[in-house]
C-alpha atoms as a PDB file:
ATOM      1  CA  MET A   1       2.963 -24.501   4.647  1.00  0.00           C
ATOM      2  CA  LYS A   2       1.495 -20.880   5.300  1.00  0.00           C
ATOM      3  CA  ARG A   3       4.105 -18.628   7.120  1.00  0.00           C
ATOM      4  CA  PRO A   4       3.149 -17.083  10.253  1.00  0.00           C
ATOM      5  CA  THR A   5       2.025 -13.547  10.088  1.00  0.00           C
ATOM      6  CA  THR A   6       3.910 -10.832  11.870  1.00  0.00           C
ATOM      7  CA  LYS A   7       2.140  -7.610  12.977  1.00  0.00           C
ATOM      8  CA  ARG A   8       4.247  -4.708  12.009  1.00  0.00           C
ATOM      9  CA  LYS A   9       5.067  -2.034  14.729  1.00  0.00           C
ATOM     10  CA  SER A  10       4.767   1.509  13.141  1.00  0.00           C
ATOM     11  CA  ARG A  11       7.266   4.051  14.480  1.00  0.00           C
ATOM     12  CA  PRO A  12       5.927   6.792  16.411  1.00  0.00           C
ATOM     13  CA  TRP A  13       5.769  10.479  14.760  1.00  0.00           C
ATOM     14  CA  THR A  14       8.162  12.655  16.131  1.00  0.00           C
ATOM     15  CA  LYS A  15       8.047  16.461  16.489  1.00  0.00           C
ATOM     16  CA  GLU A  16      10.789  16.678  13.899  1.00  0.00           C
ATOM     17  CA  ASP A  17       8.738  14.529  11.480  1.00  0.00           C
ATOM     18  CA  VAL A  18       5.533  16.243  12.188  1.00  0.00           C
ATOM     19  CA  THR A  19       7.481  19.770  11.577  1.00  0.00           C
ATOM     20  CA  ALA A  20       9.249  18.427   8.293  1.00  0.00           C
ATOM     21  CA  LEU A  21       5.569  17.143   6.927  1.00  0.00           C
ATOM     22  CA  LYS A  22       3.727  20.430   7.370  1.00  0.00           C
ATOM     23  CA  THR A  23       6.932  22.196   5.933  1.00  0.00           C
ATOM     24  CA  MET A  24       7.086  19.903   3.120  1.00  0.00           C
ATOM     25  CA  ALA A  25       3.576  20.514   2.209  1.00  0.00           C
ATOM     26  CA  ARG A  26       3.513  24.024   2.643  1.00  0.00           C
ATOM     27  CA  GLU A  27       6.309  24.149  -0.157  1.00  0.00           C
ATOM     28  CA  LYS A  28       3.673  21.881  -2.333  1.00  0.00           C
ATOM     29  CA  THR A  29       6.140  18.876  -2.301  1.00  0.00           C
ATOM     30  CA  LYS A  30       4.646  15.576  -3.834  1.00  0.00           C
ATOM     31  CA  THR A  31       3.394  13.060  -1.324  1.00  0.00           C
ATOM     32  CA  THR A  32       5.685  10.387  -2.689  1.00  0.00           C
ATOM     33  CA  VAL A  33       8.791  12.410  -2.055  1.00  0.00           C
ATOM     34  CA  ILE A  34       7.746  13.461   1.405  1.00  0.00           C
ATOM     35  CA  ALA A  35       6.887   9.831   2.502  1.00  0.00           C
ATOM     36  CA  ARG A  36      10.773   8.835   1.186  1.00  0.00           C
ATOM     37  CA  LYS A  37      12.492  11.616   2.856  1.00  0.00           C
ATOM     38  CA  LEU A  38      10.791  10.766   6.270  1.00  0.00           C
ATOM     39  CA  LYS A  39      11.182   6.939   5.602  1.00  0.00           C
ATOM     40  CA  ARG A  40       7.534   6.280   5.636  1.00  0.00           C
ATOM     41  CA  THR A  41       4.853   4.653   3.376  1.00  0.00           C
ATOM     42  CA  HIS A  42       2.606   6.690   1.317  1.00  0.00           C
ATOM     43  CA  SER A  43      -0.238   5.921   3.140  1.00  0.00           C
ATOM     44  CA  ALA A  44       1.008   6.558   6.360  1.00  0.00           C
ATOM     45  CA  THR A  45       1.769  10.166   5.228  1.00  0.00           C
ATOM     46  CA  ARG A  46      -1.600  10.886   3.844  1.00  0.00           C
ATOM     47  CA  GLN A  47      -3.136   9.371   6.966  1.00  0.00           C
ATOM     48  CA  LYS A  48      -1.167  11.482   9.433  1.00  0.00           C
ATOM     49  CA  ALA A  49      -1.381  14.629   7.079  1.00  0.00           C
ATOM     50  CA  ALA A  50      -5.293  14.438   7.149  1.00  0.00           C
ATOM     51  CA  SER A  51      -5.148  13.965  11.087  1.00  0.00           C
ATOM     52  CA  LEU A  52      -3.447  17.198  11.367  1.00  0.00           C
ATOM     53  CA  GLY A  53      -5.508  19.111   8.773  1.00  0.00           C
ATOM     54  CA  VAL A  54      -2.733  19.447   6.343  1.00  0.00           C
ATOM     55  CA  LYS A  55      -3.653  19.541   2.805  1.00  0.00           C
ATOM     56  CA  LEU A  56      -0.881  17.600   0.342  1.00  0.00           C
ATOM     57  CA  GLY A  57      -0.162  18.291  -3.023  1.00  0.00           C
ATOM     58  CA  GLY A  58       1.195  16.888  -5.694  1.00  0.00           C
ATOM     59  CA  ALA A  59      -1.436  14.366  -6.787  1.00  0.00           C
ATOM     60  CA  PRO A  60      -1.731  13.847 -10.491  1.00  0.00           C
ATOM     61  CA  LYS A  61      -4.695  15.668 -12.108  1.00  0.00           C
ATOM     62  CA  SER A  62      -6.840  13.833 -14.183  1.00  0.00           C
ATOM     63  CA  ARG A  63      -7.007  15.124 -18.009  1.00  0.00           C
ATOM     64  CA  ARG A  64     -10.208  15.130 -19.756  1.00  0.00           C
ATOM     65  CA  ALA A  65     -10.496  14.484 -23.341  1.00  0.00           C
END
C-alpha cells in the first residue's frame, strides 16, 4: 500500500540566518558547510543566496585534461 504523502513545511528564514549566510559567503565557506551550520538543505541555502543576490563559493571546479 502506498504511504500517504505529507507536505513538509519550510522553516522561515530569520534575520540571524540571513546574516550568517551572508557572513559565511563573504568568507568563501563551502555551500555544504553553510547549509549544515544553518540546519538547512543545500538546495534551500543556494536558493536563498540567489534570491538575496549573494554569490556562494566552494563549488568544485571542473578539471580539463
